Amino acid sequence: QVIGFSSTASGERHAFLWTAEEGMVDLDTLGGPDSFAYGINEQGQVVGFAYTT
């Protein structure tokens, strides 16, 4: 599993989770323009932050 963030076509930055089974999955945001993933534990829980405005 790999986590990170990537720019969308509209220039927003979204957190993502990549797995061999599913490829890159957009984790979306919390209602604002940007989200960032910075860590993942053995259970696959992702930690990060998001801007809400």
C-alpha atoms as a PDB file:
ATOM      1  CA  GLN A   1       0.000   0.000   0.000  1.00  0.00           C
ATOM      2  CA  VAL A   2       1.141   3.513  -0.844  1.00  0.00           C
ATOM      3  CA  ILE A   3      -0.419   6.827   0.182  1.00  0.00           C
ATOM      4  CA  GLY A   4       0.196  10.358  -0.960  1.00  0.00           C
ATOM      5  CA  PHE A   5      -1.488  13.193  -2.791  1.00  0.00           C
ATOM      6  CA  SER A   6      -1.815  14.120  -6.424  1.00  0.00           C
ATOM      7  CA  SER A   7      -3.190  17.036  -8.426  1.00  0.00           C
ATOM      8  CA  THR A   8      -6.532  16.647 -10.151  1.00  0.00           C
ATOM      9  CA  ALA A   9      -7.247  17.960 -13.650  1.00  0.00           C
ATOM     10  CA  SER A  10      -8.739  21.112 -12.070  1.00  0.00           C
ATOM     11  CA  GLY A  11      -5.617  21.742  -9.958  1.00  0.00           C
ATOM     12  CA  GLU A  12      -6.951  20.556  -6.606  1.00  0.00           C
ATOM     13  CA  ARG A  13      -4.813  18.182  -4.566  1.00  0.00           C
ATOM     14  CA  HIS A  14      -6.433  14.974  -3.338  1.00  0.00           C
ATOM     15  CA  ALA A  15      -5.121  12.301  -1.002  1.00  0.00           C
ATOM     16  CA  PHE A  16      -4.868   8.849  -2.561  1.00  0.00           C
ATOM     17  CA  LEU A  17      -4.342   5.241  -1.593  1.00  0.00           C
ATOM     18  CA  TRP A  18      -2.637   2.878  -4.038  1.00  0.00           C
ATOM     19  CA  THR A  19      -2.865  -0.911  -3.761  1.00  0.00           C
ATOM     20  CA  ALA A  20      -1.807  -3.639  -6.165  1.00  0.00           C
ATOM     21  CA  GLU A  21      -5.396  -4.904  -6.233  1.00  0.00           C
ATOM     22  CA  GLU A  22      -7.215  -1.599  -6.870  1.00  0.00           C
ATOM     23  CA  GLY A  23      -4.572   0.766  -8.218  1.00  0.00           C
ATOM     24  CA  MET A  24      -4.869   4.449  -7.311  1.00  0.00           C
ATOM     25  CA  VAL A  25      -7.989   5.367  -5.313  1.00  0.00           C
ATOM     26  CA  ASP A  26      -8.887   9.040  -4.789  1.00  0.00           C
ATOM     27  CA  LEU A  27      -9.687   9.587  -1.083  1.00  0.00           C
ATOM     28  CA  ASP A  28     -11.441  12.859  -1.969  1.00  0.00           C
ATOM     29  CA  THR A  29     -11.597  15.783   0.494  1.00  0.00           C
ATOM     30  CA  LEU A  30     -13.627  16.841   3.530  1.00  0.00           C
ATOM     31  CA  GLY A  31     -15.607  19.387   1.550  1.00  0.00           C
ATOM     32  CA  GLY A  32     -12.777  21.768   0.693  1.00  0.00           C
ATOM     33  CA  PRO A  33     -10.373  21.923  -2.218  1.00  0.00           C
ATOM     34  CA  ASP A  34      -7.421  19.875  -0.977  1.00  0.00           C
ATOM     35  CA  SER A  35      -6.528  16.802   1.082  1.00  0.00           C
ATOM     36  CA  PHE A  36      -3.200  15.198   1.922  1.00  0.00           C
ATOM     37  CA  ALA A  37      -2.354  11.674   3.137  1.00  0.00           C
ATOM     38  CA  TYR A  38       0.827  11.330   5.194  1.00  0.00           C
ATOM     39  CA  GLY A  39       0.733   7.949   6.895  1.00  0.00           C
ATOM     40  CA  ILE A  40      -0.852   4.504   6.885  1.00  0.00           C
ATOM     41  CA  ASN A  41      -0.869   1.808   9.570  1.00  0.00           C
ATOM     42  CA  GLU A  42      -0.916  -1.988   9.343  1.00  0.00           C
ATOM     43  CA  GLN A  43      -4.744  -1.979   9.320  1.00  0.00           C
ATOM     44  CA  GLY A  44      -4.804   0.286   6.255  1.00  0.00           C
ATOM     45  CA  GLN A  45      -6.052   3.370   8.122  1.00  0.00           C
ATOM     46  CA  VAL A  46      -4.791   6.567   6.506  1.00  0.00           C
ATOM     47  CA  VAL A  47      -3.899   9.755   8.392  1.00  0.00           C
ATOM     48  CA  GLY A  48      -3.548  13.207   6.901  1.00  0.00           C
ATOM     49  CA  PHE A  49      -5.321  16.531   6.725  1.00  0.00           C
ATOM     50  CA  ALA A  50      -7.598  18.588   4.496  1.00  0.00           C
ATOM     51  CA  TYR A  51      -8.427  22.222   3.935  1.00  0.00           C
ATOM     52  CA  THR A  52     -12.154  22.849   4.337  1.00  0.00           C
ATOM     53  CA  THR A  53     -12.193  26.286   2.721  1.00  0.00           C
END
